[in-house]
Amino acid sequence: MKIGEVARAAGVSVDTVRFYERRGVLPEAGRRPSGYREFDESAVSRIRTAKALRELGFTLDEVAGALRSHDAGDATCASERWRLEAVVERLEARIAELARARDLAARCLADCRSGDCRFPTGLSL
């Protein structure tokens, strides 16, 4: 498959396919005599898997590492659990950060509604 076909089938841009190849999410594509990349059908499913992992909260390095581990046949629940634990920890930290921001915004709004409208300075979430 040509790079544009892979991109369309996976629902990403051609630049994303190139980027994923550079970052190790996709194995290096073969080349036609013309120099154009040539991918097999598995590239589409690999990109879809990478997108799903990214939506779950994996970093791109974690995605590439998980796929490499899977490719090597080393991936087990026990060996890969740490990746999910890292994602959950990041999400929990982000949720706490957002909750602090929401609480501060709500306090500012309450002050505004009571006539004490001021732009907060030195915000500390």
PDB file of N, CA and C in Angstrom:
ATOM      1  N   MET A   1       0.853  -1.180   0.000  1.00  0.00           N
ATOM      2  CA  MET A   1       0.000   0.000   0.000  1.00  0.00           C
ATOM      3  C   MET A   1       0.895   1.238   0.000  1.00  0.00           C
ATOM      4  N   LYS A   2       0.464   2.250  -0.733  1.00  0.00           N
ATOM      5  CA  LYS A   2       1.172   3.526  -0.713  1.00  0.00           C
ATOM      6  C   LYS A   2       0.828   4.271   0.572  1.00  0.00           C
ATOM      7  N   ILE A   3       1.656   5.224   0.917  1.00  0.00           N
ATOM      8  CA  ILE A   3       1.488   5.937   2.174  1.00  0.00           C
ATOM      9  C   ILE A   3       0.131   6.641   2.272  1.00  0.00           C
ATOM     10  N   GLY A   4      -0.363   7.200   1.158  1.00  0.00           N
ATOM     11  CA  GLY A   4      -1.663   7.862   1.171  1.00  0.00           C
ATOM     12  C   GLY A   4      -2.800   6.887   1.429  1.00  0.00           C
ATOM     13  N   GLU A   5      -2.674   5.694   0.890  1.00  0.00           N
ATOM     14  CA  GLU A   5      -3.701   4.670   1.120  1.00  0.00           C
ATOM     15  C   GLU A   5      -3.722   4.244   2.585  1.00  0.00           C
ATOM     16  N   VAL A   6      -2.550   4.083   3.158  1.00  0.00           N
ATOM     17  CA  VAL A   6      -2.455   3.712   4.573  1.00  0.00           C
ATOM     18  C   VAL A   6      -3.069   4.818   5.424  1.00  0.00           C
ATOM     19  N   ALA A   7      -2.711   6.056   5.128  1.00  0.00           N
ATOM     20  CA  ALA A   7      -3.215   7.191   5.901  1.00  0.00           C
ATOM     21  C   ALA A   7      -4.740   7.256   5.841  1.00  0.00           C
ATOM     22  N   ARG A   8      -5.305   7.147   4.649  1.00  0.00           N
ATOM     23  CA  ARG A   8      -6.768   7.192   4.503  1.00  0.00           C
ATOM     24  C   ARG A   8      -7.442   6.058   5.253  1.00  0.00           C
ATOM     25  N   ALA A   9      -6.914   4.849   5.085  1.00  0.00           N
ATOM     26  CA  ALA A   9      -7.520   3.684   5.731  1.00  0.00           C
ATOM     27  C   ALA A   9      -7.446   3.769   7.260  1.00  0.00           C
ATOM     28  N   ALA A  10      -6.371   4.391   7.780  1.00  0.00           N
ATOM     29  CA  ALA A  10      -6.193   4.480   9.231  1.00  0.00           C
ATOM     30  C   ALA A  10      -6.818   5.744   9.810  1.00  0.00           C
ATOM     31  N   GLY A  11      -7.230   6.660   8.944  1.00  0.00           N
ATOM     32  CA  GLY A  11      -7.846   7.896   9.424  1.00  0.00           C
ATOM     33  C   GLY A  11      -6.858   8.889   9.998  1.00  0.00           C
ATOM     34  N   VAL A  12      -5.657   8.920   9.430  1.00  0.00           N
ATOM     35  CA  VAL A  12      -4.630   9.873   9.854  1.00  0.00           C
ATOM     36  C   VAL A  12      -4.070  10.569   8.622  1.00  0.00           C
ATOM     37  N   SER A  13      -3.208  11.541   8.861  1.00  0.00           N
ATOM     38  CA  SER A  13      -2.572  12.237   7.741  1.00  0.00           C
ATOM     39  C   SER A  13      -1.327  11.471   7.284  1.00  0.00           C
ATOM     40  N   VAL A  14      -0.878  11.779   6.105  1.00  0.00           N
ATOM     41  CA  VAL A  14       0.362  11.196   5.580  1.00  0.00           C
ATOM     42  C   VAL A  14       1.520  11.569   6.498  1.00  0.00           C
ATOM     43  N   ASP A  15       1.504  12.805   7.001  1.00  0.00           N
ATOM     44  CA  ASP A  15       2.563  13.239   7.928  1.00  0.00           C
ATOM     45  C   ASP A  15       2.584  12.378   9.190  1.00  0.00           C
ATOM     46  N   THR A  16       1.413  11.984   9.660  1.00  0.00           N
ATOM     47  CA  THR A  16       1.342  11.128  10.847  1.00  0.00           C
ATOM     48  C   THR A  16       1.967   9.772  10.551  1.00  0.00           C
ATOM     49  N   VAL A  17       1.709   9.224   9.391  1.00  0.00           N
ATOM     50  CA  VAL A  17       2.308   7.929   9.024  1.00  0.00           C
ATOM     51  C   VAL A  17       3.828   8.065   9.012  1.00  0.00           C
ATOM     52  N   ARG A  18       4.331   9.121   8.405  1.00  0.00           N
ATOM     53  CA  ARG A  18       5.783   9.346   8.366  1.00  0.00           C
ATOM     54  C   ARG A  18       6.345   9.496   9.783  1.00  0.00           C
ATOM     55  N   PHE A  19       5.638  10.282  10.610  1.00  0.00           N
ATOM     56  CA  PHE A  19       6.063  10.517  11.984  1.00  0.00           C
ATOM     57  C   PHE A  19       6.095   9.205  12.764  1.00  0.00           C
ATOM     58  N   TYR A  20       5.054   8.400  12.633  1.00  0.00           N
ATOM     59  CA  TYR A  20       5.012   7.113  13.322  1.00  0.00           C
ATOM     60  C   TYR A  20       6.152   6.204  12.862  1.00  0.00           C
ATOM     61  N   GLU A  21       6.488   6.276  11.614  1.00  0.00           N
ATOM     62  CA  GLU A  21       7.599   5.469  11.117  1.00  0.00           C
ATOM     63  C   GLU A  21       8.914   5.955  11.729  1.00  0.00           C
ATOM     64  N   ARG A  22       9.126   7.270  11.761  1.00  0.00           N
ATOM     65  CA  ARG A  22      10.346   7.830  12.346  1.00  0.00           C
ATOM     66  C   ARG A  22      10.474   7.501  13.826  1.00  0.00           C
ATOM     67  N   ARG A  23       9.349   7.498  14.552  1.00  0.00           N
ATOM     68  CA  ARG A  23       9.366   7.284  16.008  1.00  0.00           C
ATOM     69  C   ARG A  23       9.320   5.808  16.400  1.00  0.00           C
ATOM     70  N   GLY A  24       9.264   4.918  15.428  1.00  0.00           N
ATOM     71  CA  GLY A  24       9.311   3.494  15.731  1.00  0.00           C
ATOM     72  C   GLY A  24       7.971   2.853  16.025  1.00  0.00           C
ATOM     73  N   VAL A  25       6.891   3.607  15.830  1.00  0.00           N
ATOM     74  CA  VAL A  25       5.555   3.026  16.003  1.00  0.00           C
ATOM     75  C   VAL A  25       5.281   2.072  14.852  1.00  0.00           C
ATOM     76  N   LEU A  26       5.709   2.453  13.669  1.00  0.00           N
ATOM     77  CA  LEU A  26       5.624   1.592  12.482  1.00  0.00           C
ATOM     78  C   LEU A  26       7.020   1.124  12.117  1.00  0.00           C
ATOM     79  N   PRO A  27       7.149  -0.113  11.693  1.00  0.00           N
ATOM     80  CA  PRO A  27       8.454  -0.526  11.193  1.00  0.00           C
ATOM     81  C   PRO A  27       8.784   0.255   9.921  1.00  0.00           C
ATOM     82  N   GLU A  28      10.050   0.377   9.640  1.00  0.00           N
ATOM     83  CA  GLU A  28      10.458   1.101   8.442  1.00  0.00           C
ATOM     84  C   GLU A  28       9.839   0.445   7.215  1.00  0.00           C
ATOM     85  N   ALA A  29       9.236   1.258   6.382  1.00  0.00           N
ATOM     86  CA  ALA A  29       8.559   0.743   5.186  1.00  0.00           C
ATOM     87  C   ALA A  29       9.576   0.358   4.130  1.00  0.00           C
ATOM     88  N   GLY A  30       9.164  -0.612   3.321  1.00  0.00           N
ATOM     89  CA  GLY A  30       9.969  -0.942   2.158  1.00  0.00           C
ATOM     90  C   GLY A  30       9.873   0.194   1.154  1.00  0.00           C
ATOM     91  N   ARG A  31      10.732   0.182   0.193  1.00  0.00           N
ATOM     92  CA  ARG A  31      10.732   1.235  -0.829  1.00  0.00           C
ATOM     93  C   ARG A  31      10.591   0.612  -2.209  1.00  0.00           C
ATOM     94  N   ARG A  32       9.804   1.287  -3.009  1.00  0.00           N
ATOM     95  CA  ARG A  32       9.694   0.902  -4.413  1.00  0.00           C
ATOM     96  C   ARG A  32      10.926   1.427  -5.145  1.00  0.00           C
ATOM     97  N   PRO A  33      11.175   0.949  -6.348  1.00  0.00           N
ATOM     98  CA  PRO A  33      12.316   1.471  -7.106  1.00  0.00           C
ATOM     99  C   PRO A  33      12.231   2.997  -7.286  1.00  0.00           C
ATOM    100  N   SER A  34      11.020   3.512  -7.292  1.00  0.00           N
ATOM    101  CA  SER A  34      10.830   4.959  -7.435  1.00  0.00           C
ATOM    102  C   SER A  34      11.164   5.709  -6.144  1.00  0.00           C
ATOM    103  N   GLY A  35      11.347   4.978  -5.042  1.00  0.00           N
ATOM    104  CA  GLY A  35      11.655   5.609  -3.762  1.00  0.00           C
ATOM    105  C   GLY A  35      10.433   5.782  -2.868  1.00  0.00           C
ATOM    106  N   TYR A  36       9.234   5.529  -3.440  1.00  0.00           N
ATOM    107  CA  TYR A  36       8.021   5.662  -2.626  1.00  0.00           C
ATOM    108  C   TYR A  36       7.954   4.559  -1.579  1.00  0.00           C
ATOM    109  N   ARG A  37       7.440   4.922  -0.413  1.00  0.00           N
ATOM    110  CA  ARG A  37       7.246   3.923   0.641  1.00  0.00           C
ATOM    111  C   ARG A  37       6.171   2.929   0.216  1.00  0.00           C
ATOM    112  N   GLU A  38       6.356   1.691   0.673  1.00  0.00           N
ATOM    113  CA  GLU A  38       5.356   0.665   0.421  1.00  0.00           C
ATOM    114  C   GLU A  38       5.104  -0.087   1.727  1.00  0.00           C
ATOM    115  N   PHE A  39       3.863  -0.026   2.189  1.00  0.00           N
ATOM    116  CA  PHE A  39       3.466  -0.643   3.457  1.00  0.00           C
ATOM    117  C   PHE A  39       2.600  -1.858   3.170  1.00  0.00           C
ATOM    118  N   ASP A  40       2.591  -2.790   4.120  1.00  0.00           N
ATOM    119  CA  ASP A  40       1.635  -3.884   3.987  1.00  0.00           C
ATOM    120  C   ASP A  40       0.382  -3.529   4.788  1.00  0.00           C
ATOM    121  N   GLU A  41      -0.616  -4.370   4.675  1.00  0.00           N
ATOM    122  CA  GLU A  41      -1.923  -4.115   5.303  1.00  0.00           C
ATOM    123  C   GLU A  41      -1.827  -3.952   6.821  1.00  0.00           C
ATOM    124  N   SER A  42      -0.850  -4.590   7.437  1.00  0.00           N
ATOM    125  CA  SER A  42      -0.746  -4.535   8.900  1.00  0.00           C
ATOM    126  C   SER A  42      -0.456  -3.126   9.416  1.00  0.00           C
ATOM    127  N   ALA A  43       0.056  -2.256   8.557  1.00  0.00           N
ATOM    128  CA  ALA A  43       0.353  -0.882   8.982  1.00  0.00           C
ATOM    129  C   ALA A  43      -0.914  -0.160   9.432  1.00  0.00           C
ATOM    130  N   VAL A  44      -2.019  -0.419   8.748  1.00  0.00           N
ATOM    131  CA  VAL A  44      -3.285   0.236   9.087  1.00  0.00           C
ATOM    132  C   VAL A  44      -3.723  -0.176  10.488  1.00  0.00           C
ATOM    133  N   SER A  45      -3.708  -1.461  10.773  1.00  0.00           N
ATOM    134  CA  SER A  45      -4.147  -1.910  12.094  1.00  0.00           C
ATOM    135  C   SER A  45      -3.177  -1.450  13.177  1.00  0.00           C
ATOM    136  N   ARG A  46      -1.909  -1.382  12.862  1.00  0.00           N
ATOM    137  CA  ARG A  46      -0.912  -0.908  13.833  1.00  0.00           C
ATOM    138  C   ARG A  46      -1.152   0.568  14.159  1.00  0.00           C
ATOM    139  N   ILE A  47      -1.468   1.368  13.163  1.00  0.00           N
ATOM    140  CA  ILE A  47      -1.760   2.781  13.403  1.00  0.00           C
ATOM    141  C   ILE A  47      -3.033   2.913  14.237  1.00  0.00           C
ATOM    142  N   ARG A  48      -4.034   2.117  13.927  1.00  0.00           N
ATOM    143  CA  ARG A  48      -5.276   2.155  14.712  1.00  0.00           C
ATOM    144  C   ARG A  48      -5.012   1.762  16.169  1.00  0.00           C
ATOM    145  N   THR A  49      -4.172   0.767  16.366  1.00  0.00           N
ATOM    146  CA  THR A  49      -3.810   0.363  17.725  1.00  0.00           C
ATOM    147  C   THR A  49      -3.076   1.505  18.430  1.00  0.00           C
ATOM    148  N   ALA A  50      -2.141   2.131  17.725  1.00  0.00           N
ATOM    149  CA  ALA A  50      -1.397   3.251  18.307  1.00  0.00           C
ATOM    150  C   ALA A  50      -2.335   4.392  18.678  1.00  0.00           C
ATOM    151  N   LYS A  51      -3.292   4.688  17.819  1.00  0.00           N
ATOM    152  CA  LYS A  51      -4.261   5.750  18.112  1.00  0.00           C
ATOM    153  C   LYS A  51      -5.084   5.402  19.347  1.00  0.00           C
ATOM    154  N   ALA A  52      -5.496   4.155  19.456  1.00  0.00           N
ATOM    155  CA  ALA A  52      -6.297   3.727  20.607  1.00  0.00           C
ATOM    156  C   ALA A  52      -5.483   3.845  21.898  1.00  0.00           C
ATOM    157  N   LEU A  53      -4.226   3.454  21.851  1.00  0.00           N
ATOM    158  CA  LEU A  53      -3.375   3.577  23.033  1.00  0.00           C
ATOM    159  C   LEU A  53      -3.138   5.038  23.401  1.00  0.00           C
ATOM    160  N   ARG A  54      -2.969   5.888  22.387  1.00  0.00           N
ATOM    161  CA  ARG A  54      -2.789   7.331  22.650  1.00  0.00           C
ATOM    162  C   ARG A  54      -4.047   7.904  23.301  1.00  0.00           C
ATOM    163  N   GLU A  55      -5.225   7.504  22.813  1.00  0.00           N
ATOM    164  CA  GLU A  55      -6.476   7.986  23.395  1.00  0.00           C
ATOM    165  C   GLU A  55      -6.638   7.507  24.829  1.00  0.00           C
ATOM    166  N   LEU A  56      -6.068   6.361  25.129  1.00  0.00           N
ATOM    167  CA  LEU A  56      -6.110   5.822  26.485  1.00  0.00           C
ATOM    168  C   LEU A  56      -5.208   6.620  27.421  1.00  0.00           C
ATOM    169  N   GLY A  57      -4.210   7.291  26.853  1.00  0.00           N
ATOM    170  CA  GLY A  57      -3.314   8.111  27.661  1.00  0.00           C
ATOM    171  C   GLY A  57      -1.856   7.719  27.579  1.00  0.00           C
ATOM    172  N   PHE A  58      -1.531   6.754  26.739  1.00  0.00           N
ATOM    173  CA  PHE A  58      -0.137   6.364  26.562  1.00  0.00           C
ATOM    174  C   PHE A  58       0.624   7.493  25.875  1.00  0.00           C
ATOM    175  N   THR A  59       1.882   7.684  26.254  1.00  0.00           N
ATOM    176  CA  THR A  59       2.750   8.593  25.514  1.00  0.00           C
ATOM    177  C   THR A  59       3.174   7.874  24.228  1.00  0.00           C
ATOM    178  N   LEU A  60       3.704   8.629  23.299  1.00  0.00           N
ATOM    179  CA  LEU A  60       4.145   8.004  22.052  1.00  0.00           C
ATOM    180  C   LEU A  60       5.286   7.016  22.311  1.00  0.00           C
ATOM    181  N   ASP A  61       6.185   7.352  23.227  1.00  0.00           N
ATOM    182  CA  ASP A  61       7.264   6.424  23.564  1.00  0.00           C
ATOM    183  C   ASP A  61       6.710   5.141  24.179  1.00  0.00           C
ATOM    184  N   GLU A  62       5.677   5.267  25.019  1.00  0.00           N
ATOM    185  CA  GLU A  62       5.061   4.078  25.611  1.00  0.00           C
ATOM    186  C   GLU A  62       4.377   3.231  24.549  1.00  0.00           C
ATOM    187  N   VAL A  63       3.739   3.877  23.582  1.00  0.00           N
ATOM    188  CA  VAL A  63       3.102   3.152  22.476  1.00  0.00           C
ATOM    189  C   VAL A  63       4.156   2.365  21.711  1.00  0.00           C
ATOM    190  N   ALA A  64       5.238   3.047  21.326  1.00  0.00           N
ATOM    191  CA  ALA A  64       6.298   2.381  20.562  1.00  0.00           C
ATOM    192  C   ALA A  64       6.894   1.227  21.361  1.00  0.00           C
ATOM    193  N   GLY A  65       7.116   1.443  22.660  1.00  0.00           N
ATOM    194  CA  GLY A  65       7.674   0.395  23.501  1.00  0.00           C
ATOM    195  C   GLY A  65       6.742  -0.800  23.632  1.00  0.00           C
ATOM    196  N   ALA A  66       5.465  -0.531  23.814  1.00  0.00           N
ATOM    197  CA  ALA A  66       4.491  -1.616  23.938  1.00  0.00           C
ATOM    198  C   ALA A  66       4.414  -2.414  22.639  1.00  0.00           C
ATOM    199  N   LEU A  67       4.443  -1.722  21.516  1.00  0.00           N
ATOM    200  CA  LEU A  67       4.383  -2.422  20.231  1.00  0.00           C
ATOM    201  C   LEU A  67       5.655  -3.241  19.986  1.00  0.00           C
ATOM    202  N   ARG A  68       6.806  -2.681  20.360  1.00  0.00           N
ATOM    203  CA  ARG A  68       8.059  -3.442  20.212  1.00  0.00           C
ATOM    204  C   ARG A  68       8.026  -4.691  21.082  1.00  0.00           C
ATOM    205  N   SER A  69       7.540  -4.542  22.310  1.00  0.00           N
ATOM    206  CA  SER A  69       7.446  -5.684  23.217  1.00  0.00           C
ATOM    207  C   SER A  69       6.511  -6.744  22.641  1.00  0.00           C
ATOM    208  N   HIS A  70       5.394  -6.296  22.092  1.00  0.00           N
ATOM    209  CA  HIS A  70       4.445  -7.223  21.458  1.00  0.00           C
ATOM    210  C   HIS A  70       5.088  -7.919  20.273  1.00  0.00           C
ATOM    211  N   ASP A  71       5.781  -7.150  19.434  1.00  0.00           N
ATOM    212  CA  ASP A  71       6.439  -7.722  18.255  1.00  0.00           C
ATOM    213  C   ASP A  71       7.466  -8.782  18.636  1.00  0.00           C
ATOM    214  N   ALA A  72       8.171  -8.543  19.739  1.00  0.00           N
ATOM    215  CA  ALA A  72       9.212  -9.475  20.178  1.00  0.00           C
ATOM    216  C   ALA A  72       8.616 -10.705  20.854  1.00  0.00           C
ATOM    217  N   GLY A  73       7.302 -10.680  21.117  1.00  0.00           N
ATOM    218  CA  GLY A  73       6.654 -11.794  21.781  1.00  0.00           C
ATOM    219  C   GLY A  73       6.843 -11.772  23.292  1.00  0.00           C
ATOM    220  N   ASP A  74       7.326 -10.639  23.803  1.00  0.00           N
ATOM    221  CA  ASP A  74       7.609 -10.526  25.234  1.00  0.00           C
ATOM    222  C   ASP A  74       6.446  -9.960  26.042  1.00  0.00           C
ATOM    223  N   ALA A  75       5.400  -9.499  25.381  1.00  0.00           N
ATOM    224  CA  ALA A  75       4.317  -8.807  26.082  1.00  0.00           C
ATOM    225  C   ALA A  75       3.404  -9.786  26.804  1.00  0.00           C
ATOM    226  N   THR A  76       3.309  -9.594  28.109  1.00  0.00           N
ATOM    227  CA  THR A  76       2.347 -10.334  28.928  1.00  0.00           C
ATOM    228  C   THR A  76       1.657  -9.311  29.814  1.00  0.00           C
ATOM    229  N   CYS A  77       0.583  -9.702  30.427  1.00  0.00           N
ATOM    230  CA  CYS A  77      -0.087  -8.785  31.363  1.00  0.00           C
ATOM    231  C   CYS A  77       0.885  -8.330  32.432  1.00  0.00           C
ATOM    232  N   ALA A  78       1.637  -9.265  32.980  1.00  0.00           N
ATOM    233  CA  ALA A  78       2.567  -8.936  34.065  1.00  0.00           C
ATOM    234  C   ALA A  78       3.671  -7.995  33.589  1.00  0.00           C
ATOM    235  N   SER A  79       4.181  -8.223  32.388  1.00  0.00           N
ATOM    236  CA  SER A  79       5.296  -7.401  31.915  1.00  0.00           C
ATOM    237  C   SER A  79       4.852  -6.015  31.436  1.00  0.00           C
ATOM    238  N   GLU A  80       3.613  -5.866  31.080  1.00  0.00           N
ATOM    239  CA  GLU A  80       3.132  -4.593  30.534  1.00  0.00           C
ATOM    240  C   GLU A  80       2.269  -3.791  31.495  1.00  0.00           C
ATOM    241  N   ARG A  81       1.959  -4.352  32.641  1.00  0.00           N
ATOM    242  CA  ARG A  81       1.086  -3.680  33.619  1.00  0.00           C
ATOM    243  C   ARG A  81       1.612  -2.302  33.997  1.00  0.00           C
ATOM    244  N   TRP A  82       2.927  -2.159  34.103  1.00  0.00           N
ATOM    245  CA  TRP A  82       3.517  -0.887  34.517  1.00  0.00           C
ATOM    246  C   TRP A  82       3.136   0.249  33.567  1.00  0.00           C
ATOM    247  N   ARG A  83       2.954  -0.064  32.289  1.00  0.00           N
ATOM    248  CA  ARG A  83       2.565   1.000  31.345  1.00  0.00           C
ATOM    249  C   ARG A  83       1.182   1.544  31.707  1.00  0.00           C
ATOM    250  N   LEU A  84       0.267   0.654  31.996  1.00  0.00           N
ATOM    251  CA  LEU A  84      -1.078   1.090  32.378  1.00  0.00           C
ATOM    252  C   LEU A  84      -1.070   1.794  33.727  1.00  0.00           C
ATOM    253  N   GLU A  85      -0.239   1.332  34.633  1.00  0.00           N
ATOM    254  CA  GLU A  85      -0.136   2.011  35.924  1.00  0.00           C
ATOM    255  C   GLU A  85       0.362   3.441  35.742  1.00  0.00           C
ATOM    256  N   ALA A  86       1.321   3.640  34.855  1.00  0.00           N
ATOM    257  CA  ALA A  86       1.841   4.985  34.586  1.00  0.00           C
ATOM    258  C   ALA A  86       0.755   5.877  33.989  1.00  0.00           C
ATOM    259  N   VAL A  87      -0.046   5.322  33.093  1.00  0.00           N
ATOM    260  CA  VAL A  87      -1.136   6.084  32.485  1.00  0.00           C
ATOM    261  C   VAL A  87      -2.148   6.497  33.551  1.00  0.00           C
ATOM    262  N   VAL A  88      -2.535   5.561  34.392  1.00  0.00           N
ATOM    263  CA  VAL A  88      -3.519   5.859  35.437  1.00  0.00           C
ATOM    264  C   VAL A  88      -2.974   6.928  36.380  1.00  0.00           C
ATOM    265  N   GLU A  89      -1.711   6.831  36.763  1.00  0.00           N
ATOM    266  CA  GLU A  89      -1.108   7.843  37.643  1.00  0.00           C
ATOM    267  C   GLU A  89      -1.130   9.224  36.986  1.00  0.00           C
ATOM    268  N   ARG A  90      -0.783   9.297  35.709  1.00  0.00           N
ATOM    269  CA  ARG A  90      -0.816  10.592  34.998  1.00  0.00           C
ATOM    270  C   ARG A  90      -2.226  11.153  34.933  1.00  0.00           C
ATOM    271  N   LEU A  91      -3.187  10.277  34.640  1.00  0.00           N
ATOM    272  CA  LEU A  91      -4.580  10.731  34.557  1.00  0.00           C
ATOM    273  C   LEU A  91      -5.082  11.214  35.913  1.00  0.00           C
ATOM    274  N   GLU A  92      -4.741  10.498  36.966  1.00  0.00           N
ATOM    275  CA  GLU A  92      -5.156  10.923  38.303  1.00  0.00           C
ATOM    276  C   GLU A  92      -4.547  12.277  38.663  1.00  0.00           C
ATOM    277  N   ALA A  93      -3.284  12.497  38.321  1.00  0.00           N
ATOM    278  CA  ALA A  93      -2.636  13.785  38.589  1.00  0.00           C
ATOM    279  C   ALA A  93      -3.310  14.893  37.794  1.00  0.00           C
ATOM    280  N   ARG A  94      -3.640  14.607  36.557  1.00  0.00           N
ATOM    281  CA  ARG A  94      -4.302  15.614  35.709  1.00  0.00           C
ATOM    282  C   ARG A  94      -5.707  15.928  36.229  1.00  0.00           C
ATOM    283  N   ILE A  95      -6.425  14.916  36.664  1.00  0.00           N
ATOM    284  CA  ILE A  95      -7.766  15.126  37.221  1.00  0.00           C
ATOM    285  C   ILE A  95      -7.682  16.005  38.468  1.00  0.00           C
ATOM    286  N   ALA A  96      -6.700  15.744  39.323  1.00  0.00           N
ATOM    287  CA  ALA A  96      -6.527  16.555  40.533  1.00  0.00           C
ATOM    288  C   ALA A  96      -6.199  18.001  40.160  1.00  0.00           C
ATOM    289  N   GLU A  97      -5.349  18.174  39.165  1.00  0.00           N
ATOM    290  CA  GLU A  97      -4.988  19.519  38.694  1.00  0.00           C
ATOM    291  C   GLU A  97      -6.223  20.251  38.153  1.00  0.00           C
ATOM    292  N   LEU A  98      -7.023  19.556  37.380  1.00  0.00           N
ATOM    293  CA  LEU A  98      -8.241  20.162  36.833  1.00  0.00           C
ATOM    294  C   LEU A  98      -9.250  20.484  37.935  1.00  0.00           C
ATOM    295  N   ALA A  99      -9.339  19.634  38.938  1.00  0.00           N
ATOM    296  CA  ALA A  99     -10.255  19.892  40.054  1.00  0.00           C
ATOM    297  C   ALA A  99      -9.828  21.151  40.800  1.00  0.00           C
ATOM    298  N   ARG A 100      -8.509  21.331  41.006  1.00  0.00           N
ATOM    299  CA  ARG A 100      -8.026  22.549  41.668  1.00  0.00           C
ATOM    300  C   ARG A 100      -8.344  23.780  40.816  1.00  0.00           C
ATOM    301  N   ALA A 101      -8.165  23.677  39.525  1.00  0.00           N
ATOM    302  CA  ALA A 101      -8.456  24.798  38.627  1.00  0.00           C
ATOM    303  C   ALA A 101      -9.945  25.122  38.649  1.00  0.00           C
ATOM    304  N   ARG A 102     -10.787  24.088  38.634  1.00  0.00           N
ATOM    305  CA  ARG A 102     -12.234  24.293  38.691  1.00  0.00           C
ATOM    306  C   ARG A 102     -12.635  24.983  39.989  1.00  0.00           C
ATOM    307  N   ASP A 103     -12.068  24.537  41.106  1.00  0.00           N
ATOM    308  CA  ASP A 103     -12.395  25.130  42.401  1.00  0.00           C
ATOM    309  C   ASP A 103     -11.986  26.599  42.449  1.00  0.00           C
ATOM    310  N   LEU A 104     -10.825  26.923  41.934  1.00  0.00           N
ATOM    311  CA  LEU A 104     -10.370  28.309  41.910  1.00  0.00           C
ATOM    312  C   LEU A 104     -11.279  29.161  41.029  1.00  0.00           C
ATOM    313  N   ALA A 105     -11.619  28.646  39.854  1.00  0.00           N
ATOM    314  CA  ALA A 105     -12.513  29.385  38.952  1.00  0.00           C
ATOM    315  C   ALA A 105     -13.876  29.588  39.595  1.00  0.00           C
ATOM    316  N   ALA A 106     -14.375  28.595  40.302  1.00  0.00           N
ATOM    317  CA  ALA A 106     -15.673  28.713  40.976  1.00  0.00           C
ATOM    318  C   ALA A 106     -15.611  29.774  42.076  1.00  0.00           C
ATOM    319  N   ARG A 107     -14.488  29.817  42.827  1.00  0.00           N
ATOM    320  CA  ARG A 107     -14.335  30.852  43.858  1.00  0.00           C
ATOM    321  C   ARG A 107     -14.296  32.243  43.238  1.00  0.00           C
ATOM    322  N   CYS A 108     -13.559  32.368  42.141  1.00  0.00           N
ATOM    323  CA  CYS A 108     -13.493  33.670  41.449  1.00  0.00           C
ATOM    324  C   CYS A 108     -14.870  34.079  40.942  1.00  0.00           C
ATOM    325  N   LEU A 109     -15.620  33.137  40.411  1.00  0.00           N
ATOM    326  CA  LEU A 109     -16.964  33.413  39.919  1.00  0.00           C
ATOM    327  C   LEU A 109     -17.886  33.826  41.063  1.00  0.00           C
ATOM    328  N   ALA A 110     -17.798  33.132  42.186  1.00  0.00           N
ATOM    329  CA  ALA A 110     -18.616  33.481  43.348  1.00  0.00           C
ATOM    330  C   ALA A 110     -18.278  34.888  43.829  1.00  0.00           C
ATOM    331  N   ASP A 111     -16.971  35.232  43.863  1.00  0.00           N
ATOM    332  CA  ASP A 111     -16.565  36.592  44.233  1.00  0.00           C
ATOM    333  C   ASP A 111     -17.151  37.602  43.267  1.00  0.00           C
ATOM    334  N   CYS A 112     -17.099  37.289  41.989  1.00  0.00           N
ATOM    335  CA  CYS A 112     -17.619  38.184  40.948  1.00  0.00           C
ATOM    336  C   CYS A 112     -19.118  38.401  41.133  1.00  0.00           C
ATOM    337  N   ARG A 113     -19.815  37.324  41.402  1.00  0.00           N
ATOM    338  CA  ARG A 113     -21.268  37.429  41.582  1.00  0.00           C
ATOM    339  C   ARG A 113     -21.626  38.244  42.824  1.00  0.00           C
ATOM    340  N   SER A 114     -20.734  38.276  43.809  1.00  0.00           N
ATOM    341  CA  SER A 114     -21.011  39.037  45.026  1.00  0.00           C
ATOM    342  C   SER A 114     -20.527  40.484  44.916  1.00  0.00           C
ATOM    343  N   GLY A 115     -20.059  40.850  43.720  1.00  0.00           N
ATOM    344  CA  GLY A 115     -19.633  42.225  43.501  1.00  0.00           C
ATOM    345  C   GLY A 115     -18.164  42.466  43.777  1.00  0.00           C
ATOM    346  N   ASP A 116     -17.429  41.454  44.092  1.00  0.00           N
ATOM    347  CA  ASP A 116     -16.000  41.589  44.383  1.00  0.00           C
ATOM    348  C   ASP A 116     -15.198  41.024  43.208  1.00  0.00           C
ATOM    349  N   CYS A 117     -15.470  41.598  42.035  1.00  0.00           N
ATOM    350  CA  CYS A 117     -14.860  41.090  40.804  1.00  0.00           C
ATOM    351  C   CYS A 117     -13.428  41.598  40.683  1.00  0.00           C
ATOM    352  N   ARG A 118     -12.506  40.702  40.652  1.00  0.00           N
ATOM    353  CA  ARG A 118     -11.105  41.077  40.448  1.00  0.00           C
ATOM    354  C   ARG A 118     -10.413  39.934  39.725  1.00  0.00           C
ATOM    355  N   PHE A 119      -9.435  40.318  38.955  1.00  0.00           N
ATOM    356  CA  PHE A 119      -8.670  39.311  38.236  1.00  0.00           C
ATOM    357  C   PHE A 119      -7.693  38.694  39.219  1.00  0.00           C
ATOM    358  N   PRO A 120      -7.723  37.398  39.386  1.00  0.00           N
ATOM    359  CA  PRO A 120      -6.838  36.780  40.373  1.00  0.00           C
ATOM    360  C   PRO A 120      -5.371  36.921  39.966  1.00  0.00           C
ATOM    361  N   THR A 121      -4.531  37.230  40.907  1.00  0.00           N
ATOM    362  CA  THR A 121      -3.101  37.330  40.646  1.00  0.00           C
ATOM    363  C   THR A 121      -2.395  36.287  41.491  1.00  0.00           C
ATOM    364  N   GLY A 122      -1.246  35.893  41.038  1.00  0.00           N
ATOM    365  CA  GLY A 122      -0.473  34.912  41.788  1.00  0.00           C
ATOM    366  C   GLY A 122      -1.240  33.622  42.023  1.00  0.00           C
ATOM    367  N   LEU A 123      -1.939  33.182  40.982  1.00  0.00           N
ATOM    368  CA  LEU A 123      -2.737  31.963  41.114  1.00  0.00           C
ATOM    369  C   LEU A 123      -1.867  30.779  41.502  1.00  0.00           C
ATOM    370  N   SER A 124      -2.328  30.069  42.461  1.00  0.00           N
ATOM    371  CA  SER A 124      -1.652  28.843  42.856  1.00  0.00           C
ATOM    372  C   SER A 124      -2.689  27.730  42.891  1.00  0.00           C
ATOM    373  N   LEU A 125      -2.591  26.852  41.913  1.00  0.00           N
ATOM    374  CA  LEU A 125      -3.536  25.744  41.859  1.00  0.00           C
ATOM    375  C   LEU A 125      -3.074  24.714  42.847  1.00  0.00           C
TER     376      LEU A 125
END
